[in-house]
Amino acid sequence: MYVPTRIFFTKGVGTHKDRLASFELALRKAGIEKCNLVYVSSIFPPKCKQISKTEGLKSLMPGGITFCVMARNETNEPNRLVSSAIGLALPSDRGEYGYLSEHHAFGETQEKTGEYAEDLAATMLATTLGIEFDVNAAWSEREQTYKASGRIIKTQHTCQSAEGDKNGLWTTTIAVAVFL
């Protein structure tokens, strides 16, 4: 059984008259266009080490099977705001697994989409760890509750947003967690 030992985060945006080509250009901006991507669910493996995008891209091989969690959104509506984000929540015990979440939205700012993805990952981890919290509280309040528990050590997000091309070309945003 393969369990990844490293992970990096990347993002990109692409614009083109063809939908698929727009996605390809977003992959190029993210630096992962040469990979055969396999989408997986949202578990951050125990003892997995987060590395820089630069270091991670050096480990990729053209045509290689590459596991990832990806958020993707696209539009061909002029000026329509699209965004894609990956959230991360890590437990304080590196021997336990964490969570990744993907979120994509229309009409949300990059900050709002990113915080939502981060909140979603943290909430999934908190429920797994049995941390009690008020589901109706604002993210900033719940974030403090999670971290004060001592059981969640880190949360973060990676987000890409863009406005739809003014001439109606396809605009694609991606945010990706790449496993190695």
N, C-alpha and C. Protein backbone atom coordinates (compact mmCIF):
# COMPACT_ATOMS: atom_id res chain seq x y z
N MET A 1 0.84 -1.17 0.00
CA MET A 1 0.00 0.00 0.00
C MET A 1 0.89 1.24 0.00
N TYR A 2 0.60 2.18 -0.87
CA TYR A 2 1.36 3.41 -1.00
C TYR A 2 0.79 4.48 -0.08
N VAL A 3 1.63 5.05 0.78
CA VAL A 3 1.24 6.18 1.63
C VAL A 3 2.24 7.30 1.35
N PRO A 4 1.76 8.44 0.86
CA PRO A 4 2.66 9.55 0.55
C PRO A 4 3.41 10.03 1.79
N THR A 5 4.65 10.47 1.57
CA THR A 5 5.47 10.98 2.67
C THR A 5 5.72 12.48 2.57
N ARG A 6 5.40 13.05 1.38
CA ARG A 6 5.59 14.49 1.18
C ARG A 6 4.39 15.06 0.43
N ILE A 7 4.20 16.37 0.59
CA ILE A 7 3.10 17.06 -0.07
C ILE A 7 3.53 18.49 -0.35
N PHE A 8 3.03 19.04 -1.46
CA PHE A 8 3.21 20.48 -1.70
C PHE A 8 1.93 21.04 -2.30
N PHE A 9 1.80 22.36 -2.20
CA PHE A 9 0.60 23.05 -2.67
C PHE A 9 0.96 23.95 -3.83
N THR A 10 0.05 24.03 -4.80
CA THR A 10 0.25 24.87 -5.96
C THR A 10 -1.11 25.37 -6.44
N LYS A 11 -1.08 26.33 -7.34
CA LYS A 11 -2.33 26.90 -7.87
C LYS A 11 -2.06 27.51 -9.22
N GLY A 12 -3.13 27.78 -9.97
CA GLY A 12 -2.95 28.40 -11.28
C GLY A 12 -4.27 28.86 -11.86
N VAL A 13 -4.15 29.68 -12.90
CA VAL A 13 -5.32 30.16 -13.64
C VAL A 13 -4.97 30.12 -15.12
N GLY A 14 -5.94 29.74 -15.94
CA GLY A 14 -5.74 29.69 -17.38
C GLY A 14 -6.93 30.28 -18.10
N THR A 15 -6.67 30.90 -19.24
CA THR A 15 -7.73 31.50 -20.05
C THR A 15 -7.51 31.10 -21.51
N HIS A 16 -8.59 30.62 -22.15
CA HIS A 16 -8.50 30.17 -23.54
C HIS A 16 -9.90 30.06 -24.11
N LYS A 17 -10.01 30.04 -25.45
CA LYS A 17 -11.33 29.91 -26.08
C LYS A 17 -11.94 28.53 -25.86
N ASP A 18 -11.08 27.52 -25.65
CA ASP A 18 -11.57 26.16 -25.40
C ASP A 18 -11.47 25.85 -23.91
N ARG A 19 -12.49 25.22 -23.40
CA ARG A 19 -12.56 24.89 -21.97
C ARG A 19 -11.38 24.02 -21.52
N LEU A 20 -11.10 22.95 -22.26
CA LEU A 20 -10.02 22.04 -21.90
C LEU A 20 -8.66 22.74 -21.97
N ALA A 21 -8.47 23.56 -22.97
CA ALA A 21 -7.20 24.29 -23.10
C ALA A 21 -7.03 25.27 -21.94
N SER A 22 -8.11 25.86 -21.49
CA SER A 22 -8.06 26.75 -20.33
C SER A 22 -7.58 25.99 -19.09
N PHE A 23 -8.10 24.78 -18.90
CA PHE A 23 -7.67 23.92 -17.79
C PHE A 23 -6.18 23.58 -17.93
N GLU A 24 -5.76 23.21 -19.14
CA GLU A 24 -4.35 22.89 -19.39
C GLU A 24 -3.45 24.07 -19.04
N LEU A 25 -3.86 25.28 -19.39
CA LEU A 25 -3.05 26.46 -19.07
C LEU A 25 -2.98 26.71 -17.56
N ALA A 26 -4.07 26.41 -16.85
CA ALA A 26 -4.04 26.51 -15.38
C ALA A 26 -3.07 25.49 -14.79
N LEU A 27 -3.07 24.27 -15.35
CA LEU A 27 -2.12 23.25 -14.92
C LEU A 27 -0.68 23.71 -15.17
N ARG A 28 -0.45 24.36 -16.31
CA ARG A 28 0.89 24.86 -16.62
C ARG A 28 1.33 25.92 -15.62
N LYS A 29 0.42 26.84 -15.29
CA LYS A 29 0.76 27.87 -14.29
C LYS A 29 1.10 27.23 -12.95
N ALA A 30 0.41 26.13 -12.64
CA ALA A 30 0.65 25.43 -11.38
C ALA A 30 1.91 24.56 -11.45
N GLY A 31 2.39 24.29 -12.68
CA GLY A 31 3.60 23.50 -12.86
C GLY A 31 3.39 21.99 -12.89
N ILE A 32 2.14 21.55 -13.04
CA ILE A 32 1.85 20.11 -12.97
C ILE A 32 1.23 19.56 -14.25
N GLU A 33 1.41 20.27 -15.35
CA GLU A 33 0.78 19.85 -16.61
C GLU A 33 1.37 18.58 -17.18
N LYS A 34 2.57 18.21 -16.78
CA LYS A 34 3.24 17.03 -17.35
C LYS A 34 2.86 15.74 -16.64
N CYS A 35 1.98 15.83 -15.64
CA CYS A 35 1.63 14.67 -14.82
C CYS A 35 0.30 14.06 -15.23
N ASN A 36 0.16 12.77 -14.98
CA ASN A 36 -1.13 12.10 -15.08
C ASN A 36 -1.74 12.16 -13.68
N LEU A 37 -2.70 13.06 -13.53
CA LEU A 37 -3.25 13.35 -12.21
C LEU A 37 -4.34 12.36 -11.83
N VAL A 38 -4.25 11.87 -10.62
CA VAL A 38 -5.25 10.98 -10.05
C VAL A 38 -5.80 11.68 -8.82
N TYR A 39 -7.09 11.99 -8.85
CA TYR A 39 -7.71 12.71 -7.73
C TYR A 39 -8.01 11.73 -6.59
N VAL A 40 -7.65 12.14 -5.40
CA VAL A 40 -7.92 11.34 -4.21
C VAL A 40 -8.73 12.18 -3.22
N SER A 41 -9.21 11.51 -2.19
CA SER A 41 -10.01 12.22 -1.19
C SER A 41 -9.11 13.01 -0.25
N SER A 42 -9.59 13.35 0.90
CA SER A 42 -9.02 14.45 1.65
C SER A 42 -8.25 14.11 2.92
N ILE A 43 -7.55 13.00 2.94
CA ILE A 43 -6.78 12.64 4.14
C ILE A 43 -5.32 13.06 3.97
N PHE A 44 -4.81 13.81 4.93
CA PHE A 44 -3.40 14.17 5.00
C PHE A 44 -2.72 13.06 5.79
N PRO A 45 -1.83 12.28 5.16
CA PRO A 45 -1.27 11.10 5.82
C PRO A 45 -0.46 11.43 7.08
N PRO A 46 -0.49 10.53 8.06
CA PRO A 46 0.34 10.72 9.25
C PRO A 46 1.81 10.85 8.84
N LYS A 47 2.53 11.71 9.52
CA LYS A 47 3.97 11.92 9.32
C LYS A 47 4.35 12.44 7.94
N CYS A 48 3.38 12.88 7.16
CA CYS A 48 3.66 13.46 5.85
C CYS A 48 4.29 14.84 6.06
N LYS A 49 5.30 15.15 5.25
CA LYS A 49 6.03 16.41 5.39
C LYS A 49 5.62 17.38 4.28
N GLN A 50 5.27 18.59 4.67
CA GLN A 50 4.96 19.61 3.67
C GLN A 50 6.27 20.22 3.18
N ILE A 51 6.42 20.27 1.84
CA ILE A 51 7.61 20.84 1.23
C ILE A 51 7.21 22.01 0.34
N SER A 52 8.18 22.76 -0.12
CA SER A 52 7.91 23.91 -0.98
C SER A 52 7.47 23.45 -2.37
N LYS A 53 6.79 24.33 -3.06
CA LYS A 53 6.38 24.04 -4.44
C LYS A 53 7.62 23.80 -5.31
N THR A 54 8.64 24.61 -5.13
CA THR A 54 9.87 24.47 -5.92
C THR A 54 10.49 23.08 -5.73
N GLU A 55 10.59 22.65 -4.49
CA GLU A 55 11.15 21.33 -4.20
C GLU A 55 10.24 20.23 -4.75
N GLY A 56 8.93 20.39 -4.59
CA GLY A 56 8.00 19.38 -5.08
C GLY A 56 8.01 19.23 -6.58
N LEU A 57 8.05 20.35 -7.30
CA LEU A 57 8.05 20.28 -8.76
C LEU A 57 9.28 19.55 -9.29
N LYS A 58 10.40 19.65 -8.60
CA LYS A 58 11.62 18.95 -9.01
C LYS A 58 11.45 17.44 -8.92
N SER A 59 10.53 16.96 -8.09
CA SER A 59 10.34 15.52 -7.90
C SER A 59 9.39 14.90 -8.93
N LEU A 60 8.70 15.72 -9.71
CA LEU A 60 7.74 15.20 -10.69
C LEU A 60 8.44 14.76 -11.96
N MET A 61 7.89 13.70 -12.55
CA MET A 61 8.44 13.18 -13.81
C MET A 61 7.35 13.23 -14.87
N PRO A 62 7.69 13.64 -16.09
CA PRO A 62 6.70 13.67 -17.16
C PRO A 62 6.03 12.31 -17.33
N GLY A 63 4.71 12.33 -17.35
CA GLY A 63 3.93 11.11 -17.52
C GLY A 63 3.70 10.32 -16.25
N GLY A 64 4.30 10.75 -15.15
CA GLY A 64 4.16 10.03 -13.89
C GLY A 64 2.74 10.10 -13.34
N ILE A 65 2.32 9.01 -12.70
CA ILE A 65 1.04 9.00 -12.00
C ILE A 65 1.22 9.84 -10.74
N THR A 66 0.40 10.87 -10.61
CA THR A 66 0.56 11.84 -9.53
C THR A 66 -0.76 11.98 -8.79
N PHE A 67 -0.74 11.63 -7.51
CA PHE A 67 -1.95 11.73 -6.69
C PHE A 67 -2.09 13.15 -6.17
N CYS A 68 -3.33 13.65 -6.17
CA CYS A 68 -3.56 15.01 -5.71
C CYS A 68 -5.00 15.20 -5.23
N VAL A 69 -5.18 16.24 -4.45
CA VAL A 69 -6.51 16.75 -4.11
C VAL A 69 -6.61 18.07 -4.88
N MET A 70 -7.64 18.21 -5.70
CA MET A 70 -7.75 19.40 -6.54
C MET A 70 -9.13 20.05 -6.39
N ALA A 71 -9.09 21.38 -6.30
CA ALA A 71 -10.31 22.19 -6.43
C ALA A 71 -10.20 22.88 -7.78
N ARG A 72 -11.29 22.88 -8.53
CA ARG A 72 -11.28 23.43 -9.89
C ARG A 72 -12.59 24.15 -10.14
N ASN A 73 -12.50 25.30 -10.79
CA ASN A 73 -13.70 26.02 -11.18
C ASN A 73 -13.43 26.73 -12.49
N GLU A 74 -14.49 26.99 -13.24
CA GLU A 74 -14.32 27.61 -14.55
C GLU A 74 -15.58 28.36 -14.95
N THR A 75 -15.38 29.34 -15.82
CA THR A 75 -16.50 30.11 -16.34
C THR A 75 -16.13 30.67 -17.71
N ASN A 76 -17.15 30.91 -18.52
CA ASN A 76 -16.95 31.67 -19.75
C ASN A 76 -17.84 32.91 -19.74
N GLU A 77 -18.33 33.26 -18.56
CA GLU A 77 -19.14 34.47 -18.39
C GLU A 77 -18.22 35.65 -18.11
N PRO A 78 -18.28 36.69 -18.91
CA PRO A 78 -17.42 37.85 -18.68
C PRO A 78 -17.56 38.40 -17.25
N ASN A 79 -16.40 38.65 -16.65
CA ASN A 79 -16.29 39.28 -15.33
C ASN A 79 -16.83 38.45 -14.16
N ARG A 80 -17.26 37.23 -14.39
CA ARG A 80 -17.75 36.41 -13.28
C ARG A 80 -16.57 35.95 -12.43
N LEU A 81 -16.66 36.17 -11.14
CA LEU A 81 -15.59 35.81 -10.23
C LEU A 81 -15.65 34.31 -9.92
N VAL A 82 -14.54 33.60 -10.16
CA VAL A 82 -14.44 32.17 -9.85
C VAL A 82 -13.24 31.97 -8.93
N SER A 83 -13.34 30.97 -8.07
CA SER A 83 -12.23 30.69 -7.16
C SER A 83 -12.20 29.21 -6.82
N SER A 84 -10.99 28.76 -6.46
CA SER A 84 -10.75 27.38 -6.06
C SER A 84 -9.76 27.39 -4.91
N ALA A 85 -10.02 26.56 -3.88
CA ALA A 85 -9.14 26.56 -2.71
C ALA A 85 -9.00 25.16 -2.13
N ILE A 86 -7.83 24.93 -1.53
CA ILE A 86 -7.56 23.72 -0.75
C ILE A 86 -7.28 24.18 0.68
N GLY A 87 -7.98 23.58 1.64
CA GLY A 87 -7.74 23.86 3.05
C GLY A 87 -6.97 22.72 3.67
N LEU A 88 -6.24 23.01 4.73
CA LEU A 88 -5.44 22.01 5.43
C LEU A 88 -5.60 22.18 6.93
N ALA A 89 -5.77 21.09 7.65
CA ALA A 89 -5.79 21.09 9.11
C ALA A 89 -4.95 19.92 9.59
N LEU A 90 -3.96 20.22 10.44
CA LEU A 90 -3.05 19.19 10.94
C LEU A 90 -3.21 19.00 12.45
N PRO A 91 -3.22 17.75 12.89
CA PRO A 91 -3.27 17.48 14.33
C PRO A 91 -1.91 17.73 14.97
N SER A 92 -1.90 18.00 16.25
CA SER A 92 -0.62 18.22 16.94
C SER A 92 0.20 16.93 17.00
N ASP A 93 -0.46 15.78 17.01
CA ASP A 93 0.23 14.49 17.00
C ASP A 93 0.49 14.10 15.55
N ARG A 94 1.75 14.17 15.10
CA ARG A 94 2.10 13.85 13.71
C ARG A 94 1.80 12.40 13.34
N GLY A 95 1.57 11.57 14.33
CA GLY A 95 1.23 10.18 14.07
C GLY A 95 -0.23 9.99 13.69
N GLU A 96 -1.03 11.03 13.84
CA GLU A 96 -2.45 10.99 13.44
C GLU A 96 -2.59 11.66 12.07
N TYR A 97 -3.68 11.35 11.39
CA TYR A 97 -3.90 11.94 10.07
C TYR A 97 -4.60 13.30 10.21
N GLY A 98 -4.40 14.12 9.20
CA GLY A 98 -5.06 15.42 9.12
C GLY A 98 -6.07 15.42 7.98
N TYR A 99 -6.58 16.59 7.68
CA TYR A 99 -7.58 16.72 6.62
C TYR A 99 -7.21 17.79 5.62
N LEU A 100 -7.54 17.51 4.38
CA LEU A 100 -7.51 18.47 3.29
C LEU A 100 -8.95 18.65 2.84
N SER A 101 -9.29 19.83 2.39
CA SER A 101 -10.63 20.05 1.84
C SER A 101 -10.50 20.84 0.56
N GLU A 102 -11.42 20.62 -0.35
CA GLU A 102 -11.44 21.41 -1.57
C GLU A 102 -12.75 22.18 -1.62
N HIS A 103 -12.65 23.41 -2.09
CA HIS A 103 -13.84 24.26 -2.20
C HIS A 103 -13.67 25.11 -3.45
N HIS A 104 -14.73 25.23 -4.20
CA HIS A 104 -14.74 26.11 -5.37
C HIS A 104 -16.03 26.91 -5.34
N ALA A 105 -15.94 28.16 -5.78
CA ALA A 105 -17.10 29.04 -5.64
C ALA A 105 -17.18 30.04 -6.78
N PHE A 106 -18.37 30.58 -6.93
CA PHE A 106 -18.63 31.70 -7.82
C PHE A 106 -18.95 32.91 -6.96
N GLY A 107 -18.42 34.06 -7.32
CA GLY A 107 -18.77 35.30 -6.65
C GLY A 107 -18.12 35.52 -5.29
N GLU A 108 -17.21 34.65 -4.88
CA GLU A 108 -16.53 34.82 -3.60
C GLU A 108 -15.12 35.36 -3.83
N THR A 109 -14.68 36.19 -2.92
CA THR A 109 -13.31 36.68 -2.99
C THR A 109 -12.34 35.54 -2.71
N GLN A 110 -11.09 35.75 -3.06
CA GLN A 110 -10.06 34.76 -2.78
C GLN A 110 -9.97 34.50 -1.27
N GLU A 111 -10.04 35.57 -0.50
CA GLU A 111 -9.95 35.42 0.96
C GLU A 111 -11.11 34.58 1.51
N LYS A 112 -12.32 34.87 1.06
CA LYS A 112 -13.49 34.14 1.57
C LYS A 112 -13.44 32.66 1.18
N THR A 113 -13.10 32.37 -0.07
CA THR A 113 -13.01 30.99 -0.52
C THR A 113 -11.93 30.23 0.24
N GLY A 114 -10.77 30.87 0.41
CA GLY A 114 -9.66 30.24 1.13
C GLY A 114 -10.00 29.96 2.58
N GLU A 115 -10.61 30.93 3.25
CA GLU A 115 -10.99 30.73 4.65
C GLU A 115 -12.04 29.65 4.79
N TYR A 116 -12.96 29.57 3.83
CA TYR A 116 -13.99 28.53 3.88
C TYR A 116 -13.36 27.14 3.79
N ALA A 117 -12.40 26.99 2.85
CA ALA A 117 -11.73 25.69 2.70
C ALA A 117 -10.95 25.34 3.96
N GLU A 118 -10.28 26.31 4.54
CA GLU A 118 -9.51 26.09 5.77
C GLU A 118 -10.44 25.70 6.92
N ASP A 119 -11.54 26.41 7.03
CA ASP A 119 -12.56 26.12 8.05
C ASP A 119 -13.11 24.70 7.87
N LEU A 120 -13.39 24.33 6.65
CA LEU A 120 -13.94 23.00 6.38
C LEU A 120 -12.97 21.90 6.80
N ALA A 121 -11.69 22.05 6.46
CA ALA A 121 -10.68 21.06 6.85
C ALA A 121 -10.57 20.99 8.37
N ALA A 122 -10.53 22.15 9.03
CA ALA A 122 -10.41 22.19 10.50
C ALA A 122 -11.62 21.59 11.17
N THR A 123 -12.79 21.84 10.64
CA THR A 123 -14.02 21.29 11.22
C THR A 123 -14.05 19.77 11.08
N MET A 124 -13.63 19.25 9.93
CA MET A 124 -13.58 17.80 9.76
C MET A 124 -12.61 17.17 10.75
N LEU A 125 -11.45 17.80 10.93
CA LEU A 125 -10.47 17.27 11.87
C LEU A 125 -10.99 17.38 13.31
N ALA A 126 -11.59 18.51 13.65
CA ALA A 126 -12.10 18.71 15.01
C ALA A 126 -13.15 17.65 15.37
N THR A 127 -14.03 17.34 14.43
CA THR A 127 -15.06 16.33 14.72
C THR A 127 -14.43 14.95 14.89
N THR A 128 -13.39 14.66 14.12
CA THR A 128 -12.67 13.38 14.25
C THR A 128 -11.98 13.27 15.60
N LEU A 129 -11.43 14.39 16.08
CA LEU A 129 -10.69 14.39 17.34
C LEU A 129 -11.60 14.56 18.56
N GLY A 130 -12.90 14.78 18.31
CA GLY A 130 -13.84 14.94 19.43
C GLY A 130 -13.78 16.29 20.10
N ILE A 131 -13.30 17.31 19.40
CA ILE A 131 -13.26 18.66 19.95
C ILE A 131 -14.64 19.28 19.86
N GLU A 132 -15.15 19.77 20.97
CA GLU A 132 -16.47 20.39 20.98
C GLU A 132 -16.35 21.85 20.55
N PHE A 133 -17.31 22.28 19.74
CA PHE A 133 -17.31 23.66 19.24
C PHE A 133 -18.72 24.04 18.84
N ASP A 134 -18.93 25.35 18.72
CA ASP A 134 -20.22 25.89 18.30
C ASP A 134 -20.23 25.98 16.78
N VAL A 135 -21.05 25.16 16.14
CA VAL A 135 -21.08 25.13 14.67
C VAL A 135 -21.53 26.47 14.09
N ASN A 136 -22.23 27.28 14.87
CA ASN A 136 -22.74 28.56 14.38
C ASN A 136 -21.77 29.72 14.62
N ALA A 137 -20.67 29.47 15.31
CA ALA A 137 -19.69 30.52 15.57
C ALA A 137 -18.93 30.87 14.30
N ALA A 138 -18.41 32.07 14.24
CA ALA A 138 -17.61 32.51 13.10
C ALA A 138 -16.32 31.69 13.02
N TRP A 139 -15.75 31.61 11.82
CA TRP A 139 -14.52 30.84 11.62
C TRP A 139 -13.42 31.30 12.58
N SER A 140 -13.24 32.58 12.74
CA SER A 140 -12.16 33.08 13.61
C SER A 140 -12.33 32.60 15.05
N GLU A 141 -13.56 32.52 15.51
CA GLU A 141 -13.83 32.03 16.88
C GLU A 141 -13.59 30.52 16.97
N ARG A 142 -14.06 29.77 15.97
CA ARG A 142 -13.85 28.32 15.98
C ARG A 142 -12.36 27.99 15.82
N GLU A 143 -11.64 28.77 15.01
CA GLU A 143 -10.21 28.54 14.83
C GLU A 143 -9.49 28.63 16.18
N GLN A 144 -9.87 29.62 16.98
CA GLN A 144 -9.25 29.77 18.31
C GLN A 144 -9.60 28.58 19.21
N THR A 145 -10.85 28.12 19.14
CA THR A 145 -11.27 26.96 19.92
C THR A 145 -10.47 25.73 19.54
N TYR A 146 -10.32 25.51 18.23
CA TYR A 146 -9.59 24.35 17.74
C TYR A 146 -8.14 24.37 18.23
N LYS A 147 -7.49 25.51 18.06
CA LYS A 147 -6.08 25.61 18.43
C LYS A 147 -5.88 25.60 19.95
N ALA A 148 -6.84 26.17 20.68
CA ALA A 148 -6.75 26.18 22.14
C ALA A 148 -6.88 24.77 22.71
N SER A 149 -7.49 23.87 21.96
CA SER A 149 -7.66 22.49 22.43
C SER A 149 -6.30 21.79 22.55
N GLY A 150 -5.30 22.30 21.84
CA GLY A 150 -3.99 21.67 21.84
C GLY A 150 -3.91 20.47 20.92
N ARG A 151 -5.00 20.13 20.26
CA ARG A 151 -5.02 18.94 19.40
C ARG A 151 -4.91 19.25 17.91
N ILE A 152 -5.15 20.54 17.55
CA ILE A 152 -4.97 20.97 16.17
C ILE A 152 -3.87 22.02 16.19
N ILE A 153 -2.80 21.74 15.48
CA ILE A 153 -1.63 22.60 15.56
C ILE A 153 -1.56 23.63 14.44
N LYS A 154 -2.11 23.29 13.27
CA LYS A 154 -1.94 24.17 12.13
C LYS A 154 -3.11 24.08 11.18
N THR A 155 -3.53 25.24 10.68
CA THR A 155 -4.49 25.29 9.58
C THR A 155 -3.96 26.29 8.56
N GLN A 156 -4.27 26.05 7.31
CA GLN A 156 -3.87 26.98 6.25
C GLN A 156 -4.71 26.69 5.02
N HIS A 157 -4.55 27.56 4.02
CA HIS A 157 -5.21 27.32 2.74
C HIS A 157 -4.36 27.85 1.59
N THR A 158 -4.66 27.32 0.40
CA THR A 158 -4.10 27.79 -0.85
C THR A 158 -5.28 28.09 -1.76
N CYS A 159 -5.30 29.27 -2.34
CA CYS A 159 -6.48 29.67 -3.12
C CYS A 159 -6.08 30.42 -4.38
N GLN A 160 -6.85 30.21 -5.43
CA GLN A 160 -6.69 30.95 -6.68
C GLN A 160 -8.05 31.50 -7.09
N SER A 161 -8.12 32.78 -7.39
CA SER A 161 -9.36 33.37 -7.90
C SER A 161 -9.04 34.14 -9.18
N ALA A 162 -10.07 34.37 -9.97
CA ALA A 162 -9.91 35.14 -11.21
C ALA A 162 -11.28 35.63 -11.66
N GLU A 163 -11.26 36.71 -12.41
CA GLU A 163 -12.49 37.18 -13.06
C GLU A 163 -12.56 36.56 -14.44
N GLY A 164 -13.78 36.17 -14.83
CA GLY A 164 -13.97 35.63 -16.16
C GLY A 164 -13.51 36.63 -17.22
N ASP A 165 -12.89 36.12 -18.27
CA ASP A 165 -12.38 36.95 -19.35
C ASP A 165 -13.48 37.86 -19.89
N LYS A 166 -13.14 39.14 -20.11
CA LYS A 166 -14.14 40.13 -20.54
C LYS A 166 -14.72 39.82 -21.92
N ASN A 167 -14.02 38.99 -22.71
CA ASN A 167 -14.51 38.63 -24.04
C ASN A 167 -15.18 37.26 -24.08
N GLY A 168 -15.39 36.65 -22.91
CA GLY A 168 -16.10 35.38 -22.86
C GLY A 168 -15.26 34.15 -23.09
N LEU A 169 -13.93 34.28 -23.03
CA LEU A 169 -13.08 33.10 -23.11
C LEU A 169 -13.24 32.29 -21.82
N TRP A 170 -12.92 31.01 -21.86
CA TRP A 170 -12.98 30.18 -20.65
C TRP A 170 -11.86 30.59 -19.70
N THR A 171 -12.21 30.76 -18.44
CA THR A 171 -11.25 31.05 -17.39
C THR A 171 -11.36 29.95 -16.35
N THR A 172 -10.24 29.27 -16.06
CA THR A 172 -10.22 28.15 -15.13
C THR A 172 -9.27 28.47 -13.97
N THR A 173 -9.73 28.20 -12.75
CA THR A 173 -8.87 28.32 -11.57
C THR A 173 -8.69 26.93 -10.96
N ILE A 174 -7.48 26.69 -10.46
CA ILE A 174 -7.22 25.44 -9.73
C ILE A 174 -6.39 25.73 -8.48
N ALA A 175 -6.60 24.93 -7.48
CA ALA A 175 -5.76 24.88 -6.28
C ALA A 175 -5.54 23.40 -6.03
N VAL A 176 -4.28 23.02 -5.76
CA VAL A 176 -3.94 21.60 -5.74
C VAL A 176 -2.99 21.26 -4.59
N ALA A 177 -3.26 20.16 -3.92
CA ALA A 177 -2.33 19.56 -2.97
C ALA A 177 -1.77 18.33 -3.69
N VAL A 178 -0.46 18.30 -3.91
CA VAL A 178 0.17 17.23 -4.68
C VAL A 178 0.93 16.31 -3.72
N PHE A 179 0.63 15.03 -3.79
CA PHE A 179 1.28 14.02 -2.94
C PHE A 179 2.51 13.45 -3.65
N LEU A 180 3.55 13.20 -2.88
CA LEU A 180 4.75 12.56 -3.41
C LEU A 180 5.11 11.38 -2.53
